[in-house]
Amino acid sequence: MEIAKTARVCQLLALAAFSENGIMLRSITTTNGPQHGETVTRKGDVLHPAYKELSKFIKAELDALRTIGLEKASTEPLSLTDYVEQRYGGTEP
């Protein structure tokens, strides 16, 4: 359950980053790592770095929920006639 919660929080953080900056960024600065010590700036439209990771977090959450038996069961939606009959006990007023 903790893995599912952590993955959900990561999803929310990614979505918050998208709401601030958008999914597409005009330019991005990345560091190649401490051993290289250089910074590279790429120009042009690029996807937000969190975009690639979002699907991984969604999959991790769903896998964790399936493992403990809490996956969402898909059900066929009711037709309007069936819904009205179930909700109000019939179609006649």
PDB file of N, CA and C in Angstrom:
ATOM      1  N   MET A   1       0.828  -1.187   0.000  1.00  0.00           N
ATOM      2  CA  MET A   1       0.000   0.000   0.000  1.00  0.00           C
ATOM      3  C   MET A   1       0.878   1.259   0.000  1.00  0.00           C
ATOM      4  N   GLU A   2       2.019   1.177   0.695  1.00  0.00           N
ATOM      5  CA  GLU A   2       2.921   2.329   0.743  1.00  0.00           C
ATOM      6  C   GLU A   2       3.483   2.659  -0.633  1.00  0.00           C
ATOM      7  N   ILE A   3       3.760   1.628  -1.437  1.00  0.00           N
ATOM      8  CA  ILE A   3       4.273   1.869  -2.780  1.00  0.00           C
ATOM      9  C   ILE A   3       3.234   2.592  -3.613  1.00  0.00           C
ATOM     10  N   ALA A   4       1.975   2.167  -3.488  1.00  0.00           N
ATOM     11  CA  ALA A   4       0.893   2.814  -4.237  1.00  0.00           C
ATOM     12  C   ALA A   4       0.736   4.272  -3.809  1.00  0.00           C
ATOM     13  N   LYS A   5       0.827   4.530  -2.524  1.00  0.00           N
ATOM     14  CA  LYS A   5       0.703   5.906  -2.024  1.00  0.00           C
ATOM     15  C   LYS A   5       1.853   6.775  -2.530  1.00  0.00           C
ATOM     16  N   THR A   6       3.061   6.237  -2.482  1.00  0.00           N
ATOM     17  CA  THR A   6       4.224   6.993  -2.945  1.00  0.00           C
ATOM     18  C   THR A   6       4.117   7.290  -4.439  1.00  0.00           C
ATOM     19  N   ALA A   7       3.703   6.294  -5.218  1.00  0.00           N
ATOM     20  CA  ALA A   7       3.542   6.498  -6.659  1.00  0.00           C
ATOM     21  C   ALA A   7       2.475   7.545  -6.936  1.00  0.00           C
ATOM     22  N   ARG A   8       1.409   7.552  -6.149  1.00  0.00           N
ATOM     23  CA  ARG A   8       0.332   8.541  -6.329  1.00  0.00           C
ATOM     24  C   ARG A   8       0.849   9.946  -6.039  1.00  0.00           C
ATOM     25  N   VAL A   9       1.634  10.098  -4.990  1.00  0.00           N
ATOM     26  CA  VAL A   9       2.203  11.410  -4.656  1.00  0.00           C
ATOM     27  C   VAL A   9       3.119  11.884  -5.793  1.00  0.00           C
ATOM     28  N   CYS A  10       3.897  10.980  -6.352  1.00  0.00           N
ATOM     29  CA  CYS A  10       4.773  11.343  -7.475  1.00  0.00           C
ATOM     30  C   CYS A  10       3.956  11.794  -8.678  1.00  0.00           C
ATOM     31  N   GLN A  11       2.827  11.137  -8.924  1.00  0.00           N
ATOM     32  CA  GLN A  11       1.946  11.555 -10.012  1.00  0.00           C
ATOM     33  C   GLN A  11       1.438  12.975  -9.778  1.00  0.00           C
ATOM     34  N   LEU A  12       1.024  13.246  -8.557  1.00  0.00           N
ATOM     35  CA  LEU A  12       0.511  14.576  -8.232  1.00  0.00           C
ATOM     36  C   LEU A  12       1.583  15.643  -8.361  1.00  0.00           C
ATOM     37  N   LEU A  13       2.817  15.314  -7.977  1.00  0.00           N
ATOM     38  CA  LEU A  13       3.916  16.268  -8.135  1.00  0.00           C
ATOM     39  C   LEU A  13       4.192  16.560  -9.609  1.00  0.00           C
ATOM     40  N   ALA A  14       4.138  15.523 -10.440  1.00  0.00           N
ATOM     41  CA  ALA A  14       4.338  15.724 -11.882  1.00  0.00           C
ATOM     42  C   ALA A  14       3.223  16.594 -12.455  1.00  0.00           C
ATOM     43  N   LEU A  15       1.991  16.323 -12.066  1.00  0.00           N
ATOM     44  CA  LEU A  15       0.865  17.126 -12.562  1.00  0.00           C
ATOM     45  C   LEU A  15       0.961  18.577 -12.089  1.00  0.00           C
ATOM     46  N   ALA A  16       1.461  18.779 -10.876  1.00  0.00           N
ATOM     47  CA  ALA A  16       1.653  20.144 -10.379  1.00  0.00           C
ATOM     48  C   ALA A  16       2.713  20.861 -11.205  1.00  0.00           C
ATOM     49  N   ALA A  17       3.774  20.156 -11.582  1.00  0.00           N
ATOM     50  CA  ALA A  17       4.810  20.756 -12.420  1.00  0.00           C
ATOM     51  C   ALA A  17       4.244  21.125 -13.785  1.00  0.00           C
ATOM     52  N   PHE A  18       3.357  20.277 -14.320  1.00  0.00           N
ATOM     53  CA  PHE A  18       2.737  20.582 -15.616  1.00  0.00           C
ATOM     54  C   PHE A  18       1.847  21.808 -15.517  1.00  0.00           C
ATOM     55  N   SER A  19       1.136  21.946 -14.395  1.00  0.00           N
ATOM     56  CA  SER A  19       0.229  23.092 -14.267  1.00  0.00           C
ATOM     57  C   SER A  19       0.998  24.403 -14.163  1.00  0.00           C
ATOM     58  N   GLU A  20       2.218  24.348 -13.628  1.00  0.00           N
ATOM     59  CA  GLU A  20       3.025  25.563 -13.517  1.00  0.00           C
ATOM     60  C   GLU A  20       3.720  25.908 -14.830  1.00  0.00           C
ATOM     61  N   ASN A  21       4.311  24.900 -15.475  1.00  0.00           N
ATOM     62  CA  ASN A  21       5.161  25.143 -16.640  1.00  0.00           C
ATOM     63  C   ASN A  21       4.600  24.643 -17.949  1.00  0.00           C
ATOM     64  N   GLY A  22       3.581  23.791 -17.902  1.00  0.00           N
ATOM     65  CA  GLY A  22       3.074  23.151 -19.107  1.00  0.00           C
ATOM     66  C   GLY A  22       3.866  21.889 -19.409  1.00  0.00           C
ATOM     67  N   ILE A  23       3.339  21.070 -20.321  1.00  0.00           N
ATOM     68  CA  ILE A  23       4.017  19.821 -20.664  1.00  0.00           C
ATOM     69  C   ILE A  23       5.167  20.081 -21.624  1.00  0.00           C
ATOM     70  N   MET A  24       5.007  21.067 -22.493  1.00  0.00           N
ATOM     71  CA  MET A  24       6.067  21.412 -23.438  1.00  0.00           C
ATOM     72  C   MET A  24       6.863  22.590 -22.882  1.00  0.00           C
ATOM     73  N   LEU A  25       8.163  22.474 -22.917  1.00  0.00           N
ATOM     74  CA  LEU A  25       9.039  23.549 -22.470  1.00  0.00           C
ATOM     75  C   LEU A  25       9.765  24.131 -23.673  1.00  0.00           C
ATOM     76  N   ARG A  26       9.984  25.418 -23.650  1.00  0.00           N
ATOM     77  CA  ARG A  26      10.669  26.079 -24.769  1.00  0.00           C
ATOM     78  C   ARG A  26      12.164  25.778 -24.787  1.00  0.00           C
ATOM     79  N   SER A  27      12.787  25.790 -23.650  1.00  0.00           N
ATOM     80  CA  SER A  27      14.194  25.409 -23.565  1.00  0.00           C
ATOM     81  C   SER A  27      14.411  24.781 -22.196  1.00  0.00           C
ATOM     82  N   ILE A  28      15.417  23.972 -22.101  1.00  0.00           N
ATOM     83  CA  ILE A  28      15.662  23.271 -20.845  1.00  0.00           C
ATOM     84  C   ILE A  28      17.166  23.196 -20.611  1.00  0.00           C
ATOM     85  N   THR A  29      17.566  23.315 -19.357  1.00  0.00           N
ATOM     86  CA  THR A  29      18.973  23.193 -18.989  1.00  0.00           C
ATOM     87  C   THR A  29      19.144  21.905 -18.203  1.00  0.00           C
ATOM     88  N   THR A  30      20.083  21.079 -18.607  1.00  0.00           N
ATOM     89  CA  THR A  30      20.336  19.830 -17.899  1.00  0.00           C
ATOM     90  C   THR A  30      21.819  19.735 -17.560  1.00  0.00           C
ATOM     91  N   THR A  31      22.110  19.048 -16.487  1.00  0.00           N
ATOM     92  CA  THR A  31      23.496  18.797 -16.095  1.00  0.00           C
ATOM     93  C   THR A  31      23.790  17.333 -16.383  1.00  0.00           C
ATOM     94  N   ASN A  32      24.902  17.073 -17.011  1.00  0.00           N
ATOM     95  CA  ASN A  32      25.251  15.705 -17.390  1.00  0.00           C
ATOM     96  C   ASN A  32      25.737  14.868 -16.222  1.00  0.00           C
ATOM     97  N   GLY A  33      25.938  15.426 -15.091  1.00  0.00           N
ATOM     98  CA  GLY A  33      26.347  14.653 -13.923  1.00  0.00           C
ATOM     99  C   GLY A  33      27.617  15.202 -13.315  1.00  0.00           C
ATOM    100  N   PRO A  34      27.912  14.800 -12.082  1.00  0.00           N
ATOM    101  CA  PRO A  34      29.083  15.338 -11.385  1.00  0.00           C
ATOM    102  C   PRO A  34      30.414  14.944 -12.034  1.00  0.00           C
ATOM    103  N   GLN A  35      30.473  13.783 -12.666  1.00  0.00           N
ATOM    104  CA  GLN A  35      31.744  13.390 -13.271  1.00  0.00           C
ATOM    105  C   GLN A  35      32.043  14.213 -14.517  1.00  0.00           C
ATOM    106  N   HIS A  36      31.000  14.678 -15.214  1.00  0.00           N
ATOM    107  CA  HIS A  36      31.209  15.487 -16.414  1.00  0.00           C
ATOM    108  C   HIS A  36      31.342  16.970 -16.075  1.00  0.00           C
ATOM    109  N   GLY A  37      30.529  17.423 -15.117  1.00  0.00           N
ATOM    110  CA  GLY A  37      30.620  18.799 -14.670  1.00  0.00           C
ATOM    111  C   GLY A  37      30.254  19.836 -15.712  1.00  0.00           C
ATOM    112  N   GLU A  38      29.500  19.442 -16.706  1.00  0.00           N
ATOM    113  CA  GLU A  38      29.132  20.418 -17.730  1.00  0.00           C
ATOM    114  C   GLU A  38      27.616  20.533 -17.813  1.00  0.00           C
ATOM    115  N   THR A  39      27.168  21.693 -18.219  1.00  0.00           N
ATOM    116  CA  THR A  39      25.748  21.968 -18.365  1.00  0.00           C
ATOM    117  C   THR A  39      25.443  22.164 -19.836  1.00  0.00           C
ATOM    118  N   VAL A  40      24.379  21.544 -20.290  1.00  0.00           N
ATOM    119  CA  VAL A  40      23.982  21.627 -21.691  1.00  0.00           C
ATOM    120  C   VAL A  40      22.620  22.292 -21.767  1.00  0.00           C
ATOM    121  N   THR A  41      22.476  23.263 -22.646  1.00  0.00           N
ATOM    122  CA  THR A  41      21.183  23.897 -22.864  1.00  0.00           C
ATOM    123  C   THR A  41      20.687  23.496 -24.241  1.00  0.00           C
ATOM    124  N   ARG A  42      19.506  22.896 -24.265  1.00  0.00           N
ATOM    125  CA  ARG A  42      18.898  22.519 -25.533  1.00  0.00           C
ATOM    126  C   ARG A  42      17.820  23.535 -25.861  1.00  0.00           C
ATOM    127  N   LYS A  43      17.782  24.005 -27.064  1.00  0.00           N
ATOM    128  CA  LYS A  43      16.799  24.989 -27.483  1.00  0.00           C
ATOM    129  C   LYS A  43      15.689  24.295 -28.258  1.00  0.00           C
ATOM    130  N   GLY A  44      14.520  24.874 -28.225  1.00  0.00           N
ATOM    131  CA  GLY A  44      13.389  24.320 -28.960  1.00  0.00           C
ATOM    132  C   GLY A  44      12.383  23.690 -28.018  1.00  0.00           C
ATOM    133  N   ASP A  45      11.304  23.203 -28.590  1.00  0.00           N
ATOM    134  CA  ASP A  45      10.260  22.574 -27.785  1.00  0.00           C
ATOM    135  C   ASP A  45      10.698  21.187 -27.339  1.00  0.00           C
ATOM    136  N   VAL A  46      10.649  20.955 -26.059  1.00  0.00           N
ATOM    137  CA  VAL A  46      10.971  19.640 -25.505  1.00  0.00           C
ATOM    138  C   VAL A  46       9.889  19.276 -24.488  1.00  0.00           C
ATOM    139  N   LEU A  47       9.680  17.986 -24.305  1.00  0.00           N
ATOM    140  CA  LEU A  47       8.733  17.534 -23.288  1.00  0.00           C
ATOM    141  C   LEU A  47       9.310  17.773 -21.902  1.00  0.00           C
ATOM    142  N   HIS A  48       8.435  18.089 -20.979  1.00  0.00           N
ATOM    143  CA  HIS A  48       8.837  18.255 -19.584  1.00  0.00           C
ATOM    144  C   HIS A  48       9.477  16.945 -19.111  1.00  0.00           C
ATOM    145  N   PRO A  49      10.575  17.001 -18.369  1.00  0.00           N
ATOM    146  CA  PRO A  49      11.237  15.774 -17.914  1.00  0.00           C
ATOM    147  C   PRO A  49      10.318  14.848 -17.110  1.00  0.00           C
ATOM    148  N   ALA A  50       9.374  15.406 -16.376  1.00  0.00           N
ATOM    149  CA  ALA A  50       8.471  14.579 -15.569  1.00  0.00           C
ATOM    150  C   ALA A  50       7.463  13.823 -16.421  1.00  0.00           C
ATOM    151  N   TYR A  51       7.283  14.230 -17.674  1.00  0.00           N
ATOM    152  CA  TYR A  51       6.290  13.586 -18.537  1.00  0.00           C
ATOM    153  C   TYR A  51       6.647  12.124 -18.773  1.00  0.00           C
ATOM    154  N   LYS A  52       7.929  11.841 -19.020  1.00  0.00           N
ATOM    155  CA  LYS A  52       8.360  10.462 -19.240  1.00  0.00           C
ATOM    156  C   LYS A  52       8.147   9.609 -17.993  1.00  0.00           C
ATOM    157  N   GLU A  53       8.321  10.209 -16.846  1.00  0.00           N
ATOM    158  CA  GLU A  53       8.237   9.470 -15.591  1.00  0.00           C
ATOM    159  C   GLU A  53       6.799   9.228 -15.152  1.00  0.00           C
ATOM    160  N   LEU A  54       5.863  10.052 -15.620  1.00  0.00           N
ATOM    161  CA  LEU A  54       4.479   9.960 -15.159  1.00  0.00           C
ATOM    162  C   LEU A  54       3.889   8.585 -15.425  1.00  0.00           C
ATOM    163  N   SER A  55       4.095   8.041 -16.608  1.00  0.00           N
ATOM    164  CA  SER A  55       3.527   6.726 -16.919  1.00  0.00           C
ATOM    165  C   SER A  55       4.122   5.639 -16.022  1.00  0.00           C
ATOM    166  N   LYS A  56       5.385   5.789 -15.653  1.00  0.00           N
ATOM    167  CA  LYS A  56       6.011   4.813 -14.758  1.00  0.00           C
ATOM    168  C   LYS A  56       5.346   4.841 -13.383  1.00  0.00           C
ATOM    169  N   PHE A  57       5.027   6.044 -12.894  1.00  0.00           N
ATOM    170  CA  PHE A  57       4.380   6.160 -11.588  1.00  0.00           C
ATOM    171  C   PHE A  57       2.955   5.614 -11.627  1.00  0.00           C
ATOM    172  N   ILE A  58       2.247   5.863 -12.720  1.00  0.00           N
ATOM    173  CA  ILE A  58       0.889   5.332 -12.843  1.00  0.00           C
ATOM    174  C   ILE A  58       0.937   3.810 -12.852  1.00  0.00           C
ATOM    175  N   LYS A  59       1.865   3.238 -13.618  1.00  0.00           N
ATOM    176  CA  LYS A  59       1.996   1.778 -13.679  1.00  0.00           C
ATOM    177  C   LYS A  59       2.382   1.213 -12.311  1.00  0.00           C
ATOM    178  N   ALA A  60       3.284   1.870 -11.616  1.00  0.00           N
ATOM    179  CA  ALA A  60       3.701   1.388 -10.291  1.00  0.00           C
ATOM    180  C   ALA A  60       2.523   1.378  -9.321  1.00  0.00           C
ATOM    181  N   GLU A  61       1.697   2.429  -9.369  1.00  0.00           N
ATOM    182  CA  GLU A  61       0.537   2.485  -8.479  1.00  0.00           C
ATOM    183  C   GLU A  61      -0.449   1.366  -8.808  1.00  0.00           C
ATOM    184  N   LEU A  62      -0.755   1.198 -10.096  1.00  0.00           N
ATOM    185  CA  LEU A  62      -1.710   0.162 -10.482  1.00  0.00           C
ATOM    186  C   LEU A  62      -1.195  -1.234 -10.157  1.00  0.00           C
ATOM    187  N   ASP A  63       0.081  -1.476 -10.397  1.00  0.00           N
ATOM    188  CA  ASP A  63       0.661  -2.789 -10.072  1.00  0.00           C
ATOM    189  C   ASP A  63       0.597  -3.064  -8.570  1.00  0.00           C
ATOM    190  N   ALA A  64       0.900  -2.051  -7.772  1.00  0.00           N
ATOM    191  CA  ALA A  64       0.861  -2.227  -6.318  1.00  0.00           C
ATOM    192  C   ALA A  64      -0.566  -2.500  -5.843  1.00  0.00           C
ATOM    193  N   LEU A  65      -1.543  -1.806  -6.415  1.00  0.00           N
ATOM    194  CA  LEU A  65      -2.936  -2.039  -6.025  1.00  0.00           C
ATOM    195  C   LEU A  65      -3.416  -3.425  -6.467  1.00  0.00           C
ATOM    196  N   ARG A  66      -2.986  -3.859  -7.657  1.00  0.00           N
ATOM    197  CA  ARG A  66      -3.353  -5.206  -8.122  1.00  0.00           C
ATOM    198  C   ARG A  66      -2.762  -6.280  -7.206  1.00  0.00           C
ATOM    199  N   THR A  67      -1.550  -6.042  -6.737  1.00  0.00           N
ATOM    200  CA  THR A  67      -0.868  -7.017  -5.886  1.00  0.00           C
ATOM    201  C   THR A  67      -1.646  -7.271  -4.603  1.00  0.00           C
ATOM    202  N   ILE A  68      -2.237  -6.230  -4.056  1.00  0.00           N
ATOM    203  CA  ILE A  68      -2.981  -6.407  -2.800  1.00  0.00           C
ATOM    204  C   ILE A  68      -4.479  -6.586  -3.029  1.00  0.00           C
ATOM    205  N   GLY A  69      -4.885  -6.720  -4.302  1.00  0.00           N
ATOM    206  CA  GLY A  69      -6.285  -7.028  -4.610  1.00  0.00           C
ATOM    207  C   GLY A  69      -7.218  -5.835  -4.642  1.00  0.00           C
ATOM    208  N   LEU A  70      -6.701  -4.645  -4.839  1.00  0.00           N
ATOM    209  CA  LEU A  70      -7.548  -3.460  -4.854  1.00  0.00           C
ATOM    210  C   LEU A  70      -7.695  -2.841  -6.239  1.00  0.00           C
ATOM    211  N   GLU A  71      -7.490  -3.648  -7.289  1.00  0.00           N
ATOM    212  CA  GLU A  71      -7.614  -3.075  -8.624  1.00  0.00           C
ATOM    213  C   GLU A  71      -9.073  -2.694  -8.880  1.00  0.00           C
ATOM    214  N   LYS A  72      -9.247  -1.755  -9.773  1.00  0.00           N
ATOM    215  CA  LYS A  72     -10.593  -1.311 -10.121  1.00  0.00           C
ATOM    216  C   LYS A  72     -11.202  -2.309 -11.088  1.00  0.00           C
ATOM    217  N   ALA A  73     -12.389  -2.753 -10.794  1.00  0.00           N
ATOM    218  CA  ALA A  73     -13.091  -3.661 -11.691  1.00  0.00           C
ATOM    219  C   ALA A  73     -13.845  -2.841 -12.716  1.00  0.00           C
ATOM    220  N   SER A  74     -13.692  -3.205 -13.965  1.00  0.00           N
ATOM    221  CA  SER A  74     -14.414  -2.464 -15.000  1.00  0.00           C
ATOM    222  C   SER A  74     -15.818  -3.025 -15.119  1.00  0.00           C
ATOM    223  N   THR A  75     -16.779  -2.135 -15.150  1.00  0.00           N
ATOM    224  CA  THR A  75     -18.176  -2.528 -15.295  1.00  0.00           C
ATOM    225  C   THR A  75     -18.768  -1.791 -16.482  1.00  0.00           C
ATOM    226  N   GLU A  76     -19.708  -2.445 -17.107  1.00  0.00           N
ATOM    227  CA  GLU A  76     -20.393  -1.847 -18.246  1.00  0.00           C
ATOM    228  C   GLU A  76     -21.362  -0.791 -17.714  1.00  0.00           C
ATOM    229  N   PRO A  77     -21.361   0.422 -18.290  1.00  0.00           N
ATOM    230  CA  PRO A  77     -22.287   1.449 -17.809  1.00  0.00           C
ATOM    231  C   PRO A  77     -23.731   1.073 -18.131  1.00  0.00           C
ATOM    232  N   LEU A  78     -24.634   1.518 -17.280  1.00  0.00           N
ATOM    233  CA  LEU A  78     -26.053   1.251 -17.487  1.00  0.00           C
ATOM    234  C   LEU A  78     -26.599   2.109 -18.622  1.00  0.00           C
ATOM    235  N   SER A  79     -27.582   1.564 -19.321  1.00  0.00           N
ATOM    236  CA  SER A  79     -28.282   2.390 -20.317  1.00  0.00           C
ATOM    237  C   SER A  79     -29.157   3.380 -19.552  1.00  0.00           C
ATOM    238  N   LEU A  80     -29.609   4.405 -20.230  1.00  0.00           N
ATOM    239  CA  LEU A  80     -30.439   5.419 -19.580  1.00  0.00           C
ATOM    240  C   LEU A  80     -31.719   4.798 -19.037  1.00  0.00           C
ATOM    241  N   THR A  81     -32.321   3.912 -19.801  1.00  0.00           N
ATOM    242  CA  THR A  81     -33.565   3.259 -19.361  1.00  0.00           C
ATOM    243  C   THR A  81     -33.315   2.427 -18.108  1.00  0.00           C
ATOM    244  N   ASP A  82     -32.232   1.661 -18.092  1.00  0.00           N
ATOM    245  CA  ASP A  82     -31.916   0.839 -16.923  1.00  0.00           C
ATOM    246  C   ASP A  82     -31.601   1.703 -15.708  1.00  0.00           C
ATOM    247  N   TYR A  83     -30.886   2.812 -15.930  1.00  0.00           N
ATOM    248  CA  TYR A  83     -30.555   3.713 -14.821  1.00  0.00           C
ATOM    249  C   TYR A  83     -31.816   4.304 -14.205  1.00  0.00           C
ATOM    250  N   VAL A  84     -32.718   4.798 -15.072  1.00  0.00           N
ATOM    251  CA  VAL A  84     -33.959   5.413 -14.570  1.00  0.00           C
ATOM    252  C   VAL A  84     -34.781   4.382 -13.817  1.00  0.00           C
ATOM    253  N   GLU A  85     -34.838   3.173 -14.362  1.00  0.00           N
ATOM    254  CA  GLU A  85     -35.607   2.128 -13.699  1.00  0.00           C
ATOM    255  C   GLU A  85     -34.995   1.764 -12.348  1.00  0.00           C
ATOM    256  N   GLN A  86     -33.671   1.677 -12.302  1.00  0.00           N
ATOM    257  CA  GLN A  86     -32.994   1.344 -11.047  1.00  0.00           C
ATOM    258  C   GLN A  86     -33.114   2.486 -10.041  1.00  0.00           C
ATOM    259  N   ARG A  87     -32.952   3.701 -10.504  1.00  0.00           N
ATOM    260  CA  ARG A  87     -32.934   4.871  -9.620  1.00  0.00           C
ATOM    261  C   ARG A  87     -34.333   5.235  -9.108  1.00  0.00           C
ATOM    262  N   TYR A  88     -35.306   5.216 -10.013  1.00  0.00           N
ATOM    263  CA  TYR A  88     -36.640   5.712  -9.664  1.00  0.00           C
ATOM    264  C   TYR A  88     -37.693   4.613  -9.621  1.00  0.00           C
ATOM    265  N   GLY A  89     -37.314   3.381  -9.874  1.00  0.00           N
ATOM    266  CA  GLY A  89     -38.246   2.277  -9.750  1.00  0.00           C
ATOM    267  C   GLY A  89     -39.193   2.139 -10.918  1.00  0.00           C
ATOM    268  N   GLY A  90     -38.892   2.700 -12.040  1.00  0.00           N
ATOM    269  CA  GLY A  90     -39.743   2.577 -13.218  1.00  0.00           C
ATOM    270  C   GLY A  90     -39.703   3.829 -14.056  1.00  0.00           C
ATOM    271  N   THR A  91     -40.280   3.747 -15.246  1.00  0.00           N
ATOM    272  CA  THR A  91     -40.248   4.882 -16.156  1.00  0.00           C
ATOM    273  C   THR A  91     -41.499   5.728 -16.097  1.00  0.00           C
ATOM    274  N   GLU A  92     -42.557   5.212 -15.457  1.00  0.00           N
ATOM    275  CA  GLU A  92     -43.782   5.999 -15.400  1.00  0.00           C
ATOM    276  C   GLU A  92     -43.763   6.944 -14.196  1.00  0.00           C
ATOM    277  N   PRO A  93     -44.284   8.152 -14.364  1.00  0.00           N
ATOM    278  CA  PRO A  93     -44.289   9.108 -13.247  1.00  0.00           C
ATOM    279  C   PRO A  93     -45.283   8.737 -12.158  1.00  0.00           C
TER     280      PRO A  93
END
